[in-house]
Structures are given as C-alpha cells and as structure tokens.
Amino acid sequence: MKTMTKMCAAALAGASIALVAGAASAQTAGIATAQADAAIFSAKAFDAANQQISTTYKAQLDQAAAAQTALNTQLRTLLDTNKDGQISQAEAAAAEGNGAVASQVRAAQQKAQPGIEAAQGPAIKAQAYALEQIVNKYDPALRAVVAAKKISIVLAPNAIQYAPPATDITRDIIAEIDRTTTTVPIALFGASAAAASAWLTWPSLLVSSSVRSCVFSAVCAAAA
C-alpha cells in the first residue's frame, strides 16, 4: 500500500517522550511511562472511525478483497506445485529460480495491484484523516494525565530497562482521549481532491509501512 496518512512515526515518537514540570508522585517518584501508539490505536474514536469506514466504503473494500482473493488463487495455482493448498518455502524458492514462473507471478501482481490499491484508496484516506485527528488528541491527553498525577517525566517503555507496573499511564491517557473525543469525522469536508492528495503526501508526516499495514487491517477486520 502507498502512503496513507498525515500522521507519522515521528509524531508518535515525539509524543512518546515528554518532559513536563510538576511535583513528584510518591508512587512513581515523578516518573511514568506511556505507549503512544497503543494509546492512539486503542482510543474508542479510532474503533468507531474504523466501523464507520467499513460501512461507508464497504463496496470498495469488498471489491479490493475479491481482487486480492483472485490474485491469491492465481498465485497459488502457479506456486503450489504439490497441490496441498499451501505454498511452502521450498515451492517459493523453486518458483523464484524458475524464470518463467517468476515472470508470471510478477505479471499477475502488477496487473492486479493497481486495482486493489485503487479500491482500497478511499478507505485508506478516510482512516488516515481520522487517525491524524486522534494523534492530535494525544498530547493534550498526556498533559492532562501528567497534571492530575503530578508527574515530572514521561518516558517511552523502550527507553528504560525496568519500571514497576504503577508507572505505566497508557490506560489513563486512553481514558482521557475517550473522555474528550468520542468520535472523529472520516472525511475531508470541503477539501478538493488535489488538497486531499497533497495532505496525504506531506513529506514530513509519512507513516511507516508496518503501521500502514497494521492500521488498515483494523478496517478490513471491521468490514469482515
């Protein structure tokens, strides 16, 4: 899949580590941890957006799923030489070493992929817009929790070797996001197609392919 959102890994990483002035907590000595990505992806507004997207763009998602299934069937016919319904590593390696089969695989993928991506596009753009709005709610939620708990420093869990469970405020941040933001719109209201395209390809805010895959799978699961 291509770039799908204005939210980026930098936005999540930047939100993961915050230094905020405040009095020390007796329980955590003023230090807490939080998982920004977990808080954002666990927000009720994100789940609600995925449900809405799966309904609004059901026809396109069904079309993409059907095209992907057809492609998978075609590739299985080419690669599953022992006809057991699975493609083993040995079969994949054999196909890669067979120029004719490899060419057929590439041709099938190149023919099907543009249509699959085009069908997925509206849902991906809608999800990108919804996700960006939830990302923007993270920092205010973090600061609200920090102020309420009198925390001085918030670190990403991978920045430390050990911390007791009491230091993790991720659930508190999720609760604050849920309290302030129950839903978010999924459409760029009033935006032209060119403006939406420019928004999606903003170079300073690109999301990684692993996050794109993870996030879009939530819509596919909702549509299933």
C-alpha atoms as a PDB file:
ATOM      1  CA  MET A   1       0.000   0.000   0.000  1.00  0.00           C
ATOM      2  CA  LYS A   2       1.087   3.551  -0.611  1.00  0.00           C
ATOM      3  CA  THR A   3       1.297   6.442   1.816  1.00  0.00           C
ATOM      4  CA  MET A   4      -1.972   6.600   3.739  1.00  0.00           C
ATOM      5  CA  THR A   5      -1.809   9.197   6.418  1.00  0.00           C
ATOM      6  CA  LYS A   6      -0.557  12.559   7.541  1.00  0.00           C
ATOM      7  CA  MET A   7       0.314  11.004  10.868  1.00  0.00           C
ATOM      8  CA  CYS A   8       3.874   9.721  11.067  1.00  0.00           C
ATOM      9  CA  ALA A   9       6.229   7.671  13.131  1.00  0.00           C
ATOM     10  CA  ALA A  10       7.833  10.950  14.181  1.00  0.00           C
ATOM     11  CA  ALA A  11       4.525  12.135  15.576  1.00  0.00           C
ATOM     12  CA  LEU A  12       4.206   9.004  17.668  1.00  0.00           C
ATOM     13  CA  ALA A  13       7.814   9.050  18.783  1.00  0.00           C
ATOM     14  CA  GLY A  14       7.609  12.719  19.660  1.00  0.00           C
ATOM     15  CA  ALA A  15       4.512  12.095  21.700  1.00  0.00           C
ATOM     16  CA  SER A  16       6.103   9.142  23.451  1.00  0.00           C
ATOM     17  CA  ILE A  17       8.638  11.196  25.389  1.00  0.00           C
ATOM     18  CA  ALA A  18       7.506  14.317  27.188  1.00  0.00           C
ATOM     19  CA  LEU A  19       9.187  16.399  29.872  1.00  0.00           C
ATOM     20  CA  VAL A  20       6.591  18.216  31.908  1.00  0.00           C
ATOM     21  CA  ALA A  21       7.157  20.229  35.084  1.00  0.00           C
ATOM     22  CA  GLY A  22       5.280  19.021  38.161  1.00  0.00           C
ATOM     23  CA  ALA A  23       5.544  17.738  41.694  1.00  0.00           C
ATOM     24  CA  ALA A  24       6.841  14.225  42.299  1.00  0.00           C
ATOM     25  CA  SER A  25       4.395  11.392  42.831  1.00  0.00           C
ATOM     26  CA  ALA A  26       5.044   9.272  45.901  1.00  0.00           C
ATOM     27  CA  GLN A  27       4.205   6.127  43.938  1.00  0.00           C
ATOM     28  CA  THR A  28       6.369   6.743  40.865  1.00  0.00           C
ATOM     29  CA  ALA A  29       8.841   9.355  42.081  1.00  0.00           C
ATOM     30  CA  GLY A  30       7.560  11.698  39.373  1.00  0.00           C
ATOM     31  CA  ILE A  31       8.459   9.328  36.530  1.00  0.00           C
ATOM     32  CA  ALA A  32       5.975   7.485  34.328  1.00  0.00           C
ATOM     33  CA  THR A  33       5.899   5.516  31.090  1.00  0.00           C
ATOM     34  CA  ALA A  34       3.396   5.608  28.238  1.00  0.00           C
ATOM     35  CA  GLN A  35       2.974   3.851  24.902  1.00  0.00           C
ATOM     36  CA  ALA A  36       1.805   6.491  22.470  1.00  0.00           C
ATOM     37  CA  ASP A  37       0.896   4.112  19.657  1.00  0.00           C
ATOM     38  CA  ALA A  38      -1.070   1.829  21.985  1.00  0.00           C
ATOM     39  CA  ALA A  39      -2.981   4.798  23.390  1.00  0.00           C
ATOM     40  CA  ILE A  40      -3.850   6.130  19.940  1.00  0.00           C
ATOM     41  CA  PHE A  41      -4.840   2.812  18.388  1.00  0.00           C
ATOM     42  CA  SER A  42      -6.872   1.841  21.480  1.00  0.00           C
ATOM     43  CA  ALA A  43      -8.954   5.020  21.512  1.00  0.00           C
ATOM     44  CA  LYS A  44     -12.680   4.408  21.160  1.00  0.00           C
ATOM     45  CA  ALA A  45     -12.820   7.102  18.491  1.00  0.00           C
ATOM     46  CA  PHE A  46     -10.414   5.106  16.336  1.00  0.00           C
ATOM     47  CA  ASP A  47     -12.545   1.980  16.640  1.00  0.00           C
ATOM     48  CA  ALA A  48     -15.673   3.997  15.857  1.00  0.00           C
ATOM     49  CA  ALA A  49     -13.980   5.515  12.805  1.00  0.00           C
ATOM     50  CA  ASN A  50     -12.990   2.070  11.531  1.00  0.00           C
ATOM     51  CA  GLN A  51     -16.541   0.840  11.934  1.00  0.00           C
ATOM     52  CA  GLN A  52     -17.872   3.865  10.042  1.00  0.00           C
ATOM     53  CA  ILE A  53     -15.274   3.450   7.297  1.00  0.00           C
ATOM     54  CA  SER A  54     -16.075  -0.244   6.909  1.00  0.00           C
ATOM     55  CA  THR A  55     -19.736   0.670   6.379  1.00  0.00           C
ATOM     56  CA  THR A  56     -19.232   3.742   4.206  1.00  0.00           C
ATOM     57  CA  TYR A  57     -16.709   2.094   1.905  1.00  0.00           C
ATOM     58  CA  LYS A  58     -17.985  -1.482   2.082  1.00  0.00           C
ATOM     59  CA  ALA A  59     -18.436  -1.795  -1.674  1.00  0.00           C
ATOM     60  CA  GLN A  60     -14.861  -0.677  -2.377  1.00  0.00           C
ATOM     61  CA  LEU A  61     -13.417  -2.863   0.396  1.00  0.00           C
ATOM     62  CA  ASP A  62     -15.366  -5.866  -0.874  1.00  0.00           C
ATOM     63  CA  GLN A  63     -14.069  -5.164  -4.361  1.00  0.00           C
ATOM     64  CA  ALA A  64     -10.482  -4.999  -3.090  1.00  0.00           C
ATOM     65  CA  ALA A  65     -10.921  -8.196  -1.078  1.00  0.00           C
ATOM     66  CA  ALA A  66     -12.356 -10.042  -4.076  1.00  0.00           C
ATOM     67  CA  ALA A  67      -9.478  -8.884  -6.286  1.00  0.00           C
ATOM     68  CA  GLN A  68      -6.942  -9.921  -3.647  1.00  0.00           C
ATOM     69  CA  THR A  69      -8.575 -13.338  -3.320  1.00  0.00           C
ATOM     70  CA  ALA A  70      -8.490 -13.784  -7.089  1.00  0.00           C
ATOM     71  CA  LEU A  71      -4.808 -12.823  -7.136  1.00  0.00           C
ATOM     72  CA  ASN A  72      -4.009 -15.211  -4.305  1.00  0.00           C
ATOM     73  CA  THR A  73      -5.792 -18.020  -6.146  1.00  0.00           C
ATOM     74  CA  GLN A  74      -3.847 -17.291  -9.305  1.00  0.00           C
ATOM     75  CA  LEU A  75      -0.541 -17.220  -7.442  1.00  0.00           C
ATOM     76  CA  ARG A  76      -1.388 -20.439  -5.618  1.00  0.00           C
ATOM     77  CA  THR A  77      -2.024 -22.126  -8.965  1.00  0.00           C
ATOM     78  CA  LEU A  78       1.413 -21.048 -10.112  1.00  0.00           C
ATOM     79  CA  LEU A  79       3.334 -21.806  -6.934  1.00  0.00           C
ATOM     80  CA  ASP A  80       1.588 -24.711  -5.196  1.00  0.00           C
ATOM     81  CA  THR A  81       3.245 -27.484  -7.152  1.00  0.00           C
ATOM     82  CA  ASN A  82       2.239 -30.310  -4.811  1.00  0.00           C
ATOM     83  CA  LYS A  83      -1.395 -29.096  -4.709  1.00  0.00           C
ATOM     84  CA  ASP A  84      -1.718 -29.222  -0.921  1.00  0.00           C
ATOM     85  CA  GLY A  85      -3.344 -25.796  -0.753  1.00  0.00           C
ATOM     86  CA  GLN A  86      -0.263 -24.164   0.763  1.00  0.00           C
ATOM     87  CA  ILE A  87       2.880 -22.537  -0.576  1.00  0.00           C
ATOM     88  CA  SER A  88       5.966 -23.804   1.209  1.00  0.00           C
ATOM     89  CA  GLN A  89       9.302 -22.056   1.374  1.00  0.00           C
ATOM     90  CA  ALA A  90      10.694 -24.709  -0.945  1.00  0.00           C
ATOM     91  CA  GLU A  91       7.962 -24.040  -3.517  1.00  0.00           C
ATOM     92  CA  ALA A  92       8.526 -20.279  -3.289  1.00  0.00           C
ATOM     93  CA  ALA A  93      12.279 -20.752  -3.715  1.00  0.00           C
ATOM     94  CA  ALA A  94      11.753 -23.052  -6.684  1.00  0.00           C
ATOM     95  CA  ALA A  95       9.467 -20.513  -8.340  1.00  0.00           C
ATOM     96  CA  GLU A  96      11.984 -17.742  -7.760  1.00  0.00           C
ATOM     97  CA  GLY A  97      14.613 -19.813  -9.507  1.00  0.00           C
ATOM     98  CA  ASN A  98      12.303 -20.544 -12.419  1.00  0.00           C
ATOM     99  CA  GLY A  99      12.380 -17.550 -14.720  1.00  0.00           C
ATOM    100  CA  ALA A 100       9.130 -18.359 -16.489  1.00  0.00           C
ATOM    101  CA  VAL A 101       7.150 -18.860 -13.281  1.00  0.00           C
ATOM    102  CA  ALA A 102       8.701 -15.808 -11.640  1.00  0.00           C
ATOM    103  CA  SER A 103       7.694 -13.699 -14.631  1.00  0.00           C
ATOM    104  CA  GLN A 104       4.117 -14.966 -14.442  1.00  0.00           C
ATOM    105  CA  VAL A 105       3.976 -14.138 -10.720  1.00  0.00           C
ATOM    106  CA  ARG A 106       5.256 -10.612 -11.286  1.00  0.00           C
ATOM    107  CA  ALA A 107       2.883 -10.080 -14.196  1.00  0.00           C
ATOM    108  CA  ALA A 108      -0.107 -11.224 -12.122  1.00  0.00           C
ATOM    109  CA  GLN A 109       0.843  -8.943  -9.248  1.00  0.00           C
ATOM    110  CA  GLN A 110       1.481  -5.940 -11.484  1.00  0.00           C
ATOM    111  CA  LYS A 111      -1.867  -6.434 -13.200  1.00  0.00           C
ATOM    112  CA  ALA A 112      -3.924  -6.838 -10.021  1.00  0.00           C
ATOM    113  CA  GLN A 113      -2.235  -4.481  -7.568  1.00  0.00           C
ATOM    114  CA  PRO A 114      -3.261  -1.118  -9.096  1.00  0.00           C
ATOM    115  CA  GLY A 115      -6.924  -2.114  -8.989  1.00  0.00           C
ATOM    116  CA  ILE A 116      -6.631  -3.373  -5.411  1.00  0.00           C
ATOM    117  CA  GLU A 117      -4.937  -0.170  -4.280  1.00  0.00           C
ATOM    118  CA  ALA A 118      -7.458   1.991  -6.110  1.00  0.00           C
ATOM    119  CA  ALA A 119     -10.344   0.188  -4.431  1.00  0.00           C
ATOM    120  CA  GLN A 120      -8.707   0.493  -1.015  1.00  0.00           C
ATOM    121  CA  GLY A 121      -7.776   4.138  -1.557  1.00  0.00           C
ATOM    122  CA  PRO A 122     -10.937   5.881  -0.304  1.00  0.00           C
ATOM    123  CA  ALA A 123     -10.970   3.841   2.916  1.00  0.00           C
ATOM    124  CA  ILE A 124      -7.259   4.410   3.488  1.00  0.00           C
ATOM    125  CA  LYS A 125      -7.624   8.165   3.021  1.00  0.00           C
ATOM    126  CA  ALA A 126     -10.605   8.275   5.373  1.00  0.00           C
ATOM    127  CA  GLN A 127      -8.739   6.302   8.003  1.00  0.00           C
ATOM    128  CA  ALA A 128      -5.681   8.497   7.605  1.00  0.00           C
ATOM    129  CA  TYR A 129      -7.747  11.589   8.286  1.00  0.00           C
ATOM    130  CA  ALA A 130      -9.438  10.040  11.318  1.00  0.00           C
ATOM    131  CA  LEU A 131      -6.145   8.793  12.699  1.00  0.00           C
ATOM    132  CA  GLU A 132      -4.444  12.163  12.345  1.00  0.00           C
ATOM    133  CA  GLN A 133      -7.158  13.771  14.427  1.00  0.00           C
ATOM    134  CA  ILE A 134      -6.733  11.198  17.196  1.00  0.00           C
ATOM    135  CA  VAL A 135      -2.956  11.697  17.105  1.00  0.00           C
ATOM    136  CA  ASN A 136      -3.579  15.383  17.707  1.00  0.00           C
ATOM    137  CA  LYS A 137      -5.502  14.489  20.865  1.00  0.00           C
ATOM    138  CA  TYR A 138      -2.610  12.554  22.358  1.00  0.00           C
ATOM    139  CA  ASP A 139      -0.528  15.439  23.670  1.00  0.00           C
ATOM    140  CA  PRO A 140      -3.422  17.236  25.418  1.00  0.00           C
ATOM    141  CA  ALA A 141      -4.471  13.922  26.976  1.00  0.00           C
ATOM    142  CA  LEU A 142      -0.913  13.209  28.091  1.00  0.00           C
ATOM    143  CA  ARG A 143      -0.582  16.649  29.695  1.00  0.00           C
ATOM    144  CA  ALA A 144      -3.921  16.283  31.457  1.00  0.00           C
ATOM    145  CA  VAL A 145      -2.844  12.979  32.994  1.00  0.00           C
ATOM    146  CA  VAL A 146       0.565  14.395  33.902  1.00  0.00           C
ATOM    147  CA  ALA A 147      -1.060  17.318  35.686  1.00  0.00           C
ATOM    148  CA  ALA A 148      -3.578  15.139  37.517  1.00  0.00           C
ATOM    149  CA  LYS A 149      -0.949  12.660  38.700  1.00  0.00           C
ATOM    150  CA  LYS A 150       1.741  15.282  39.356  1.00  0.00           C
ATOM    151  CA  ILE A 151       4.241  13.576  37.082  1.00  0.00           C
ATOM    152  CA  SER A 152       7.502  15.223  36.074  1.00  0.00           C
ATOM    153  CA  ILE A 153       8.837  12.941  33.332  1.00  0.00           C
ATOM    154  CA  VAL A 154       7.132  10.573  30.896  1.00  0.00           C
ATOM    155  CA  LEU A 155       9.291   8.082  29.004  1.00  0.00           C
ATOM    156  CA  ALA A 156       8.642   5.541  26.281  1.00  0.00           C
ATOM    157  CA  PRO A 157       8.856   1.999  27.735  1.00  0.00           C
ATOM    158  CA  ASN A 158      11.791   1.105  25.475  1.00  0.00           C
ATOM    159  CA  ALA A 159      13.809   3.994  26.927  1.00  0.00           C
ATOM    160  CA  ILE A 160      14.218   2.235  30.286  1.00  0.00           C
ATOM    161  CA  GLN A 161      15.288  -1.219  31.447  1.00  0.00           C
ATOM    162  CA  TYR A 162      12.775  -1.635  34.260  1.00  0.00           C
ATOM    163  CA  ALA A 163       9.774   0.131  35.726  1.00  0.00           C
ATOM    164  CA  PRO A 164       7.042  -1.155  38.055  1.00  0.00           C
ATOM    165  CA  PRO A 165       3.565  -1.502  36.527  1.00  0.00           C
ATOM    166  CA  ALA A 166       2.368   1.514  38.523  1.00  0.00           C
ATOM    167  CA  THR A 167       4.468   3.806  36.337  1.00  0.00           C
ATOM    168  CA  ASP A 168       2.513   2.979  33.153  1.00  0.00           C
ATOM    169  CA  ILE A 169      -0.079   5.685  32.472  1.00  0.00           C
ATOM    170  CA  THR A 170      -1.104   4.477  28.999  1.00  0.00           C
ATOM    171  CA  ARG A 171      -4.571   3.438  30.177  1.00  0.00           C
ATOM    172  CA  ASP A 172      -5.041   6.801  31.840  1.00  0.00           C
ATOM    173  CA  ILE A 173      -4.199   8.540  28.575  1.00  0.00           C
ATOM    174  CA  ILE A 174      -6.616   6.308  26.672  1.00  0.00           C
ATOM    175  CA  ALA A 175      -9.341   7.159  29.183  1.00  0.00           C
ATOM    176  CA  GLU A 176      -8.645  10.873  28.755  1.00  0.00           C
ATOM    177  CA  ILE A 177      -8.759  10.646  24.958  1.00  0.00           C
ATOM    178  CA  ASP A 178     -12.012   8.693  25.204  1.00  0.00           C
ATOM    179  CA  ARG A 179     -13.430  11.308  27.577  1.00  0.00           C
ATOM    180  CA  THR A 180     -12.686  14.244  25.303  1.00  0.00           C
ATOM    181  CA  THR A 181     -13.051  12.615  21.884  1.00  0.00           C
ATOM    182  CA  THR A 182     -15.772  10.032  21.384  1.00  0.00           C
ATOM    183  CA  THR A 183     -15.808  10.265  17.595  1.00  0.00           C
ATOM    184  CA  VAL A 184     -13.900  11.905  14.766  1.00  0.00           C
ATOM    185  CA  PRO A 185     -15.022  12.622  11.183  1.00  0.00           C
ATOM    186  CA  ILE A 186     -13.638  10.412   8.430  1.00  0.00           C
ATOM    187  CA  ALA A 187     -13.993  12.856   5.527  1.00  0.00           C
ATOM    188  CA  LEU A 188     -12.016  15.909   4.486  1.00  0.00           C
ATOM    189  CA  PHE A 189     -15.110  18.087   4.327  1.00  0.00           C
ATOM    190  CA  GLY A 190     -14.816  20.823   1.717  1.00  0.00           C
ATOM    191  CA  ALA A 191     -11.384  19.694   0.577  1.00  0.00           C
ATOM    192  CA  SER A 192     -10.707  19.265  -3.110  1.00  0.00           C
ATOM    193  CA  ALA A 193      -9.225  16.025  -4.430  1.00  0.00           C
ATOM    194  CA  ALA A 194      -5.948  17.855  -5.044  1.00  0.00           C
ATOM    195  CA  ALA A 195      -5.885  19.181  -1.470  1.00  0.00           C
ATOM    196  CA  ALA A 196      -6.615  15.731  -0.059  1.00  0.00           C
ATOM    197  CA  SER A 197      -3.835  14.234  -2.165  1.00  0.00           C
ATOM    198  CA  ALA A 198      -1.372  16.898  -1.018  1.00  0.00           C
ATOM    199  CA  TRP A 199      -2.383  16.297   2.592  1.00  0.00           C
ATOM    200  CA  LEU A 200      -1.766  12.570   2.263  1.00  0.00           C
ATOM    201  CA  THR A 201       1.709  13.002   0.814  1.00  0.00           C
ATOM    202  CA  TRP A 202       3.004  15.672   3.173  1.00  0.00           C
ATOM    203  CA  PRO A 203       6.674  14.573   3.253  1.00  0.00           C
ATOM    204  CA  SER A 204       7.316  15.452   6.895  1.00  0.00           C
ATOM    205  CA  LEU A 205       4.436  13.281   8.079  1.00  0.00           C
ATOM    206  CA  LEU A 206       4.739   9.870   6.487  1.00  0.00           C
ATOM    207  CA  VAL A 207       3.728   6.754   8.366  1.00  0.00           C
ATOM    208  CA  SER A 208       5.828   3.615   8.132  1.00  0.00           C
ATOM    209  CA  SER A 209       4.668   0.685   6.010  1.00  0.00           C
ATOM    210  CA  SER A 210       4.350  -1.519   9.108  1.00  0.00           C
ATOM    211  CA  VAL A 211       1.992   0.965  10.737  1.00  0.00           C
ATOM    212  CA  ARG A 212       0.058   1.375   7.475  1.00  0.00           C
ATOM    213  CA  SER A 213      -0.472  -2.375   7.329  1.00  0.00           C
ATOM    214  CA  CYS A 214      -1.430  -2.620  10.990  1.00  0.00           C
ATOM    215  CA  VAL A 215      -3.861   0.254  10.852  1.00  0.00           C
ATOM    216  CA  PHE A 216      -5.563  -0.699   7.603  1.00  0.00           C
ATOM    217  CA  SER A 217      -6.059  -4.249   8.870  1.00  0.00           C
ATOM    218  CA  ALA A 218      -8.343  -2.804  11.524  1.00  0.00           C
ATOM    219  CA  VAL A 219     -10.672  -1.522   8.817  1.00  0.00           C
ATOM    220  CA  CYS A 220     -10.572  -4.849   6.989  1.00  0.00           C
ATOM    221  CA  ALA A 221     -11.409  -6.667  10.222  1.00  0.00           C
ATOM    222  CA  ALA A 222     -14.317  -4.313  10.846  1.00  0.00           C
ATOM    223  CA  ALA A 223     -15.602  -4.883   7.330  1.00  0.00           C
ATOM    224  CA  ALA A 224     -15.424  -8.660   7.603  1.00  0.00           C
END
